[in-house]
Amino acid sequence: MDEIYRNSWDPELGRHRSSMVFRGLPCAGLGLVTSLMRLAQQRPTVERIERHLIRNFQKYAASEMGHTRSVWSWLAVAAHHGLPTRLLDWTFSPLVALHFVTADPRLYHHDGALWCVNHKETNGHLPERLREELESAGSAVFSVPMLESAVESLETLRAMAADDFVVFLEPPSLDARIVNQFALFSLMSGPELELDVWLSAKTTGTRKLIVPAGLKWEIRDKLDQAGITERMLFPGLDGLAAWLTRYYAPRGVA
């Protein structure tokens, strides 16, 4: 907890308000690889596959989405429902991120990882037009309407700057799952770009905290007692069943 909240004091506000966003991984060896990159496997094909996925999702999901034309709305909804995209899930809550480090007891023999990224620092690498949009809104992350007003397409996003950059996007509150998970997405300017490689080259405030395998049971038990469980993060009967199944399984049993 000390490591998670290190440097969270904001002297201007006089409050402990961290500028970090968090992503938890059950295995420390996993990188910040998007579902789209895992699907494509080869970097030269990522952009082509992305176009096909979005085009067909828009075609077949039109009755669910109404008349929206925003690619950012389509991307957020598609990712939320499991379509491979260039988006990566993050959360404003370090405890929610730790849930995803410890959610699967079958992986407790692996060290986990908690990524901590200062989104205010990454915003310094945004194109001027996007920085102006954030400043105008008094925000450190984009909403879908904010991004819509500044960028009309994925192609326009990439053409905004010669250097690569990352956008943090807070999705619309599509359901209680997004709200309860304090969720947001990262979005690279190109679909083939690896965020961990970019962060290592462009930032100084990024931290990857290793969660030793030997601590996972203790962390899991304390998260359960704090109410950070599947029941809260995935509201509904599926989340309730997942929580009860894991909670009552004997230690060491998957």
C-alpha atoms as a PDB file:
ATOM      1  CA  MET A   1       0.000   0.000   0.000  1.00  0.00           C
ATOM      2  CA  ASP A   2       2.888   2.362   0.728  1.00  0.00           C
ATOM      3  CA  GLU A   3       4.283   1.753  -2.756  1.00  0.00           C
ATOM      4  CA  ILE A   4       0.900   2.195  -4.414  1.00  0.00           C
ATOM      5  CA  TYR A   5       0.266   5.551  -2.778  1.00  0.00           C
ATOM      6  CA  ARG A   6       3.839   6.863  -2.882  1.00  0.00           C
ATOM      7  CA  ASN A   7       3.954  10.507  -4.081  1.00  0.00           C
ATOM      8  CA  SER A   8       0.165  10.803  -3.967  1.00  0.00           C
ATOM      9  CA  TRP A   9       0.249  14.079  -2.011  1.00  0.00           C
ATOM     10  CA  ASP A  10      -0.872  17.018  -4.166  1.00  0.00           C
ATOM     11  CA  PRO A  11       0.445  20.245  -2.590  1.00  0.00           C
ATOM     12  CA  GLU A  12      -1.802  22.453  -4.752  1.00  0.00           C
ATOM     13  CA  LEU A  13      -4.935  20.691  -3.539  1.00  0.00           C
ATOM     14  CA  GLY A  14      -3.653  19.912  -0.080  1.00  0.00           C
ATOM     15  CA  ARG A  15      -5.037  16.383  -0.553  1.00  0.00           C
ATOM     16  CA  HIS A  16      -3.798  12.894  -1.286  1.00  0.00           C
ATOM     17  CA  ARG A  17      -4.914  12.690  -4.911  1.00  0.00           C
ATOM     18  CA  SER A  18      -2.760  10.369  -6.983  1.00  0.00           C
ATOM     19  CA  SER A  19      -2.254  11.127 -10.666  1.00  0.00           C
ATOM     20  CA  MET A  20      -1.644   7.430 -11.336  1.00  0.00           C
ATOM     21  CA  VAL A  21      -3.805   4.968 -13.218  1.00  0.00           C
ATOM     22  CA  PHE A  22      -3.353   1.240 -12.632  1.00  0.00           C
ATOM     23  CA  ARG A  23      -3.413  -2.076 -14.479  1.00  0.00           C
ATOM     24  CA  GLY A  24      -3.067  -5.429 -12.728  1.00  0.00           C
ATOM     25  CA  LEU A  25      -1.692  -8.562 -14.382  1.00  0.00           C
ATOM     26  CA  PRO A  26      -1.694 -12.058 -12.848  1.00  0.00           C
ATOM     27  CA  CYS A  27       1.714 -12.901 -14.340  1.00  0.00           C
ATOM     28  CA  ALA A  28       4.588 -10.422 -14.181  1.00  0.00           C
ATOM     29  CA  GLY A  29       5.959 -11.606 -17.517  1.00  0.00           C
ATOM     30  CA  LEU A  30       2.914 -10.391 -19.420  1.00  0.00           C
ATOM     31  CA  GLY A  31       3.483  -7.098 -21.214  1.00  0.00           C
ATOM     32  CA  LEU A  32       1.046  -4.312 -22.014  1.00  0.00           C
ATOM     33  CA  VAL A  33      -0.140  -6.115 -25.124  1.00  0.00           C
ATOM     34  CA  THR A  34      -3.587  -5.382 -26.534  1.00  0.00           C
ATOM     35  CA  SER A  35      -6.104  -8.051 -27.483  1.00  0.00           C
ATOM     36  CA  LEU A  36      -5.847  -6.796 -31.073  1.00  0.00           C
ATOM     37  CA  MET A  37      -2.094  -7.428 -31.162  1.00  0.00           C
ATOM     38  CA  ARG A  38      -2.556 -10.918 -29.714  1.00  0.00           C
ATOM     39  CA  LEU A  39      -5.140 -11.674 -32.396  1.00  0.00           C
ATOM     40  CA  ALA A  40      -3.062 -10.332 -35.288  1.00  0.00           C
ATOM     41  CA  GLN A  41       0.206 -11.925 -34.038  1.00  0.00           C
ATOM     42  CA  GLN A  42       2.216 -10.109 -36.705  1.00  0.00           C
ATOM     43  CA  ARG A  43       2.603  -6.320 -36.502  1.00  0.00           C
ATOM     44  CA  PRO A  44       2.191  -5.607 -40.266  1.00  0.00           C
ATOM     45  CA  THR A  45      -1.326  -7.093 -40.199  1.00  0.00           C
ATOM     46  CA  VAL A  46      -2.622  -5.291 -37.086  1.00  0.00           C
ATOM     47  CA  GLU A  47      -4.002  -2.201 -38.837  1.00  0.00           C
ATOM     48  CA  ARG A  48      -5.722  -4.222 -41.555  1.00  0.00           C
ATOM     49  CA  ILE A  49      -7.387  -6.575 -39.064  1.00  0.00           C
ATOM     50  CA  GLU A  50      -8.471  -3.616 -36.923  1.00  0.00           C
ATOM     51  CA  ARG A  51     -10.301  -2.061 -39.887  1.00  0.00           C
ATOM     52  CA  HIS A  52     -12.148  -5.326 -40.613  1.00  0.00           C
ATOM     53  CA  LEU A  53     -13.129  -5.848 -36.977  1.00  0.00           C
ATOM     54  CA  ILE A  54     -14.509  -2.331 -36.529  1.00  0.00           C
ATOM     55  CA  ARG A  55     -16.307  -2.318 -39.881  1.00  0.00           C
ATOM     56  CA  ASN A  56     -18.068  -5.609 -39.201  1.00  0.00           C
ATOM     57  CA  PHE A  57     -18.850  -4.760 -35.580  1.00  0.00           C
ATOM     58  CA  GLN A  58     -20.493  -1.548 -36.763  1.00  0.00           C
ATOM     59  CA  LYS A  59     -22.440  -3.457 -39.411  1.00  0.00           C
ATOM     60  CA  TYR A  60     -23.824  -6.171 -37.156  1.00  0.00           C
ATOM     61  CA  ALA A  61     -24.229  -4.183 -33.940  1.00  0.00           C
ATOM     62  CA  ALA A  62     -26.061  -1.229 -35.510  1.00  0.00           C
ATOM     63  CA  SER A  63     -29.386  -2.108 -33.897  1.00  0.00           C
ATOM     64  CA  GLU A  64     -27.760  -1.961 -30.443  1.00  0.00           C
ATOM     65  CA  MET A  65     -25.908   1.306 -30.957  1.00  0.00           C
ATOM     66  CA  GLY A  66     -28.495   3.611 -32.496  1.00  0.00           C
ATOM     67  CA  HIS A  67     -27.224   6.327 -34.810  1.00  0.00           C
ATOM     68  CA  THR A  68     -23.813   7.088 -33.312  1.00  0.00           C
ATOM     69  CA  ARG A  69     -21.103   7.745 -35.882  1.00  0.00           C
ATOM     70  CA  SER A  70     -18.248   8.199 -33.447  1.00  0.00           C
ATOM     71  CA  VAL A  71     -15.480   5.642 -33.815  1.00  0.00           C
ATOM     72  CA  TRP A  72     -14.585   6.298 -30.167  1.00  0.00           C
ATOM     73  CA  SER A  73     -18.028   5.185 -29.003  1.00  0.00           C
ATOM     74  CA  TRP A  74     -17.798   2.110 -31.202  1.00  0.00           C
ATOM     75  CA  LEU A  75     -14.339   1.246 -29.891  1.00  0.00           C
ATOM     76  CA  ALA A  76     -15.349   1.646 -26.243  1.00  0.00           C
ATOM     77  CA  VAL A  77     -18.464  -0.510 -26.640  1.00  0.00           C
ATOM     78  CA  ALA A  78     -16.643  -3.133 -28.703  1.00  0.00           C
ATOM     79  CA  ALA A  79     -13.833  -3.461 -26.166  1.00  0.00           C
ATOM     80  CA  HIS A  80     -16.320  -3.592 -23.293  1.00  0.00           C
ATOM     81  CA  HIS A  81     -18.013  -6.573 -24.932  1.00  0.00           C
ATOM     82  CA  GLY A  82     -14.814  -8.460 -25.698  1.00  0.00           C
ATOM     83  CA  LEU A  83     -13.930  -7.516 -29.274  1.00  0.00           C
ATOM     84  CA  PRO A  84     -10.151  -7.352 -29.816  1.00  0.00           C
ATOM     85  CA  THR A  85      -9.168  -3.672 -30.055  1.00  0.00           C
ATOM     86  CA  ARG A  86      -6.161  -1.427 -29.554  1.00  0.00           C
ATOM     87  CA  LEU A  87      -7.609  -0.388 -26.174  1.00  0.00           C
ATOM     88  CA  LEU A  88      -6.153  -1.560 -22.864  1.00  0.00           C
ATOM     89  CA  ASP A  89      -8.148  -1.632 -19.619  1.00  0.00           C
ATOM     90  CA  TRP A  90      -6.983   0.545 -16.725  1.00  0.00           C
ATOM     91  CA  THR A  91      -8.527   1.730 -13.489  1.00  0.00           C
ATOM     92  CA  PHE A  92      -8.228   4.738 -11.215  1.00  0.00           C
ATOM     93  CA  SER A  93      -8.342   2.323  -8.238  1.00  0.00           C
ATOM     94  CA  PRO A  94      -5.186   0.435  -7.216  1.00  0.00           C
ATOM     95  CA  LEU A  95      -7.312  -2.024  -5.233  1.00  0.00           C
ATOM     96  CA  VAL A  96      -9.386  -2.861  -8.300  1.00  0.00           C
ATOM     97  CA  ALA A  97      -6.132  -3.434 -10.191  1.00  0.00           C
ATOM     98  CA  LEU A  98      -4.936  -5.757  -7.410  1.00  0.00           C
ATOM     99  CA  HIS A  99      -8.151  -7.743  -7.795  1.00  0.00           C
ATOM    100  CA  PHE A 100      -7.117  -8.624 -11.335  1.00  0.00           C
ATOM    101  CA  VAL A 101      -3.654  -9.622 -10.096  1.00  0.00           C
ATOM    102  CA  THR A 102      -5.246 -12.106  -7.674  1.00  0.00           C
ATOM    103  CA  ALA A 103      -8.540 -13.066  -9.347  1.00  0.00           C
ATOM    104  CA  ASP A 104      -7.374 -16.496 -10.579  1.00  0.00           C
ATOM    105  CA  PRO A 105      -6.026 -18.884  -7.887  1.00  0.00           C
ATOM    106  CA  ARG A 106      -4.676 -21.149 -10.641  1.00  0.00           C
ATOM    107  CA  LEU A 107      -1.975 -18.516 -11.265  1.00  0.00           C
ATOM    108  CA  TYR A 108      -0.946 -17.948  -7.653  1.00  0.00           C
ATOM    109  CA  HIS A 109       2.390 -19.696  -8.259  1.00  0.00           C
ATOM    110  CA  HIS A 110       3.338 -16.830 -10.595  1.00  0.00           C
ATOM    111  CA  ASP A 111       4.481 -13.382  -9.509  1.00  0.00           C
ATOM    112  CA  GLY A 112       1.979 -10.741 -10.576  1.00  0.00           C
ATOM    113  CA  ALA A 113       2.489  -7.132 -11.623  1.00  0.00           C
ATOM    114  CA  LEU A 114       0.810  -3.817 -10.936  1.00  0.00           C
ATOM    115  CA  TRP A 115       1.488  -1.132 -13.521  1.00  0.00           C
ATOM    116  CA  CYS A 116       1.268   2.465 -12.279  1.00  0.00           C
ATOM    117  CA  VAL A 117       1.260   5.204 -14.924  1.00  0.00           C
ATOM    118  CA  ASN A 118       1.131   8.953 -14.371  1.00  0.00           C
ATOM    119  CA  HIS A 119      -1.400  10.045 -16.990  1.00  0.00           C
ATOM    120  CA  LYS A 120      -0.554  13.697 -16.424  1.00  0.00           C
ATOM    121  CA  GLU A 121       3.005  12.908 -17.538  1.00  0.00           C
ATOM    122  CA  THR A 122       1.881  11.004 -20.632  1.00  0.00           C
ATOM    123  CA  ASN A 123      -0.372  13.950 -21.546  1.00  0.00           C
ATOM    124  CA  GLY A 124       2.766  16.024 -22.009  1.00  0.00           C
ATOM    125  CA  HIS A 125       3.499  14.017 -25.156  1.00  0.00           C
ATOM    126  CA  LEU A 126       0.078  14.608 -26.736  1.00  0.00           C
ATOM    127  CA  PRO A 127      -0.285  16.725 -29.878  1.00  0.00           C
ATOM    128  CA  GLU A 128      -1.106  20.347 -29.134  1.00  0.00           C
ATOM    129  CA  ARG A 129      -4.731  20.021 -30.277  1.00  0.00           C
ATOM    130  CA  LEU A 130      -5.377  17.243 -27.766  1.00  0.00           C
ATOM    131  CA  ARG A 131      -3.597  19.063 -24.930  1.00  0.00           C
ATOM    132  CA  GLU A 132      -5.773  22.101 -25.624  1.00  0.00           C
ATOM    133  CA  GLU A 133      -8.915  19.956 -25.403  1.00  0.00           C
ATOM    134  CA  LEU A 134      -7.893  18.620 -21.991  1.00  0.00           C
ATOM    135  CA  GLU A 135      -6.990  22.080 -20.711  1.00  0.00           C
ATOM    136  CA  SER A 136     -10.270  23.530 -21.958  1.00  0.00           C
ATOM    137  CA  ALA A 137     -12.218  20.833 -20.102  1.00  0.00           C
ATOM    138  CA  GLY A 138     -10.036  21.030 -16.985  1.00  0.00           C
ATOM    139  CA  SER A 139      -9.525  17.272 -17.244  1.00  0.00           C
ATOM    140  CA  ALA A 140      -6.581  14.882 -17.201  1.00  0.00           C
ATOM    141  CA  VAL A 141      -8.317  12.183 -19.277  1.00  0.00           C
ATOM    142  CA  PHE A 142     -10.612  12.285 -22.286  1.00  0.00           C
ATOM    143  CA  SER A 143     -14.293  11.484 -22.398  1.00  0.00           C
ATOM    144  CA  VAL A 144     -15.782  10.205 -25.652  1.00  0.00           C
ATOM    145  CA  PRO A 145     -17.387  13.601 -26.481  1.00  0.00           C
ATOM    146  CA  MET A 146     -14.079  15.386 -25.827  1.00  0.00           C
ATOM    147  CA  LEU A 147     -12.189  13.073 -28.159  1.00  0.00           C
ATOM    148  CA  GLU A 148     -14.943  13.347 -30.772  1.00  0.00           C
ATOM    149  CA  SER A 149     -14.581  17.120 -30.852  1.00  0.00           C
ATOM    150  CA  ALA A 150     -10.837  16.910 -31.437  1.00  0.00           C
ATOM    151  CA  VAL A 151     -10.358  13.829 -33.645  1.00  0.00           C
ATOM    152  CA  GLU A 152     -12.774  12.377 -36.163  1.00  0.00           C
ATOM    153  CA  SER A 153     -11.093   9.061 -36.982  1.00  0.00           C
ATOM    154  CA  LEU A 154      -8.291   6.641 -36.160  1.00  0.00           C
ATOM    155  CA  GLU A 155      -6.465   7.787 -39.281  1.00  0.00           C
ATOM    156  CA  THR A 156      -6.689  11.418 -38.146  1.00  0.00           C
ATOM    157  CA  LEU A 157      -5.377  10.443 -34.716  1.00  0.00           C
ATOM    158  CA  ARG A 158      -2.238   8.936 -36.174  1.00  0.00           C
ATOM    159  CA  ALA A 159      -1.636  11.896 -38.483  1.00  0.00           C
ATOM    160  CA  MET A 160      -1.773  14.444 -35.661  1.00  0.00           C
ATOM    161  CA  ALA A 161       1.915  14.082 -34.764  1.00  0.00           C
ATOM    162  CA  ALA A 162       5.108  12.594 -36.121  1.00  0.00           C
ATOM    163  CA  ASP A 163       5.881  11.041 -32.735  1.00  0.00           C
ATOM    164  CA  ASP A 164       3.832   8.267 -31.163  1.00  0.00           C
ATOM    165  CA  PHE A 165       1.588   9.101 -28.203  1.00  0.00           C
ATOM    166  CA  VAL A 166      -0.997   7.577 -25.869  1.00  0.00           C
ATOM    167  CA  VAL A 167      -4.488   8.835 -24.990  1.00  0.00           C
ATOM    168  CA  PHE A 168      -6.316   7.878 -21.801  1.00  0.00           C
ATOM    169  CA  LEU A 169     -10.046   7.639 -22.466  1.00  0.00           C
ATOM    170  CA  GLU A 170     -12.802   7.315 -19.869  1.00  0.00           C
ATOM    171  CA  PRO A 171     -15.639   5.331 -21.461  1.00  0.00           C
ATOM    172  CA  PRO A 172     -19.307   6.210 -21.129  1.00  0.00           C
ATOM    173  CA  SER A 173     -21.036   4.572 -18.166  1.00  0.00           C
ATOM    174  CA  LEU A 174     -22.502   1.775 -20.246  1.00  0.00           C
ATOM    175  CA  ASP A 175     -23.298  -0.342 -17.195  1.00  0.00           C
ATOM    176  CA  ALA A 176     -22.522  -0.740 -13.497  1.00  0.00           C
ATOM    177  CA  ARG A 177     -19.416  -2.790 -14.292  1.00  0.00           C
ATOM    178  CA  ILE A 178     -17.608   0.203 -15.796  1.00  0.00           C
ATOM    179  CA  VAL A 179     -18.727   2.465 -12.954  1.00  0.00           C
ATOM    180  CA  ASN A 180     -17.752   0.052 -10.167  1.00  0.00           C
ATOM    181  CA  GLN A 181     -14.365  -0.702 -11.689  1.00  0.00           C
ATOM    182  CA  PHE A 182     -13.448   3.007 -12.015  1.00  0.00           C
ATOM    183  CA  ALA A 183     -12.511   2.036 -15.551  1.00  0.00           C
ATOM    184  CA  LEU A 184     -10.668   3.824 -18.322  1.00  0.00           C
ATOM    185  CA  PHE A 185      -8.812   2.804 -21.474  1.00  0.00           C
ATOM    186  CA  SER A 186      -5.430   3.584 -22.964  1.00  0.00           C
ATOM    187  CA  LEU A 187      -5.311   4.163 -26.706  1.00  0.00           C
ATOM    188  CA  MET A 188      -2.075   4.329 -28.686  1.00  0.00           C
ATOM    189  CA  SER A 189      -1.810   6.488 -31.799  1.00  0.00           C
ATOM    190  CA  GLY A 190      -1.014   3.374 -33.840  1.00  0.00           C
ATOM    191  CA  PRO A 191      -2.537  -0.099 -33.356  1.00  0.00           C
ATOM    192  CA  GLU A 192       0.803  -1.903 -33.601  1.00  0.00           C
ATOM    193  CA  LEU A 193       2.520   0.188 -30.909  1.00  0.00           C
ATOM    194  CA  GLU A 194       3.506  -1.451 -27.605  1.00  0.00           C
ATOM    195  CA  LEU A 195       2.631   0.724 -24.648  1.00  0.00           C
ATOM    196  CA  ASP A 196       5.250  -0.678 -22.261  1.00  0.00           C
ATOM    197  CA  VAL A 197       7.988   0.051 -24.821  1.00  0.00           C
ATOM    198  CA  TRP A 198       6.670   3.588 -25.279  1.00  0.00           C
ATOM    199  CA  LEU A 199       6.430   4.195 -21.523  1.00  0.00           C
ATOM    200  CA  SER A 200      10.003   3.055 -20.913  1.00  0.00           C
ATOM    201  CA  ALA A 201      11.260   5.513 -23.531  1.00  0.00           C
ATOM    202  CA  LYS A 202       9.013   8.504 -22.806  1.00  0.00           C
ATOM    203  CA  THR A 203       8.217   8.577 -19.073  1.00  0.00           C
ATOM    204  CA  THR A 204      10.022   8.679 -15.758  1.00  0.00           C
ATOM    205  CA  GLY A 205       7.036   8.228 -13.429  1.00  0.00           C
ATOM    206  CA  THR A 206       5.912   4.823 -14.670  1.00  0.00           C
ATOM    207  CA  ARG A 207       6.344   1.987 -12.192  1.00  0.00           C
ATOM    208  CA  LYS A 208       5.846  -1.739 -12.570  1.00  0.00           C
ATOM    209  CA  LEU A 209       5.418  -3.182  -9.096  1.00  0.00           C
ATOM    210  CA  ILE A 210       6.049  -6.909  -8.778  1.00  0.00           C
ATOM    211  CA  VAL A 211       3.532  -8.738  -6.575  1.00  0.00           C
ATOM    212  CA  PRO A 212       5.383 -11.813  -5.256  1.00  0.00           C
ATOM    213  CA  ALA A 213       3.531 -15.092  -5.580  1.00  0.00           C
ATOM    214  CA  GLY A 214       3.876 -15.603  -1.833  1.00  0.00           C
ATOM    215  CA  LEU A 215       1.825 -12.470  -1.122  1.00  0.00           C
ATOM    216  CA  LYS A 216      -1.104 -13.223  -3.396  1.00  0.00           C
ATOM    217  CA  TRP A 217      -3.192 -15.141  -0.843  1.00  0.00           C
ATOM    218  CA  GLU A 218      -2.766 -12.435   1.791  1.00  0.00           C
ATOM    219  CA  ILE A 219      -3.660  -9.686  -0.692  1.00  0.00           C
ATOM    220  CA  ARG A 220      -6.651 -11.673  -1.938  1.00  0.00           C
ATOM    221  CA  ASP A 221      -8.008 -12.229   1.564  1.00  0.00           C
ATOM    222  CA  LYS A 222      -7.653  -8.558   2.450  1.00  0.00           C
ATOM    223  CA  LEU A 223      -9.327  -7.465  -0.795  1.00  0.00           C
ATOM    224  CA  ASP A 224     -12.237  -9.785  -0.008  1.00  0.00           C
ATOM    225  CA  GLN A 225     -12.580  -8.251   3.438  1.00  0.00           C
ATOM    226  CA  ALA A 226     -12.494  -4.767   1.893  1.00  0.00           C
ATOM    227  CA  GLY A 227     -15.312  -5.699  -0.501  1.00  0.00           C
ATOM    228  CA  ILE A 228     -13.194  -5.665  -3.672  1.00  0.00           C
ATOM    229  CA  THR A 229     -14.662  -8.820  -5.170  1.00  0.00           C
ATOM    230  CA  GLU A 230     -16.345 -10.159  -8.303  1.00  0.00           C
ATOM    231  CA  ARG A 231     -19.674  -9.432  -6.614  1.00  0.00           C
ATOM    232  CA  MET A 232     -18.891  -5.698  -6.618  1.00  0.00           C
ATOM    233  CA  LEU A 233     -16.862  -5.441  -9.828  1.00  0.00           C
ATOM    234  CA  PHE A 234     -19.185  -7.559 -12.006  1.00  0.00           C
ATOM    235  CA  PRO A 235     -22.682  -6.751 -10.712  1.00  0.00           C
ATOM    236  CA  GLY A 236     -25.245  -9.427 -11.426  1.00  0.00           C
ATOM    237  CA  LEU A 237     -25.610 -13.146 -10.993  1.00  0.00           C
ATOM    238  CA  ASP A 238     -22.482 -14.037 -12.972  1.00  0.00           C
ATOM    239  CA  GLY A 239     -20.306 -11.926 -10.685  1.00  0.00           C
ATOM    240  CA  LEU A 240     -22.038 -13.263  -7.603  1.00  0.00           C
ATOM    241  CA  ALA A 241     -21.493 -16.867  -8.703  1.00  0.00           C
ATOM    242  CA  ALA A 242     -17.827 -16.205  -9.558  1.00  0.00           C
ATOM    243  CA  TRP A 243     -17.217 -14.625  -6.162  1.00  0.00           C
ATOM    244  CA  LEU A 244     -18.853 -17.457  -4.217  1.00  0.00           C
ATOM    245  CA  THR A 245     -17.031 -20.114  -6.231  1.00  0.00           C
ATOM    246  CA  ARG A 246     -13.631 -18.578  -5.580  1.00  0.00           C
ATOM    247  CA  TYR A 247     -14.342 -17.540  -1.971  1.00  0.00           C
ATOM    248  CA  TYR A 248     -15.383 -21.004  -0.801  1.00  0.00           C
ATOM    249  CA  ALA A 249     -12.762 -22.987  -2.717  1.00  0.00           C
ATOM    250  CA  PRO A 250     -10.126 -24.494  -0.371  1.00  0.00           C
ATOM    251  CA  ARG A 251      -6.724 -22.886  -0.523  1.00  0.00           C
ATOM    252  CA  GLY A 252      -4.670 -24.455  -3.262  1.00  0.00           C
ATOM    253  CA  VAL A 253      -7.719 -25.603  -5.228  1.00  0.00           C
ATOM    254  CA  ALA A 254      -8.372 -23.955  -8.615  1.00  0.00           C
END
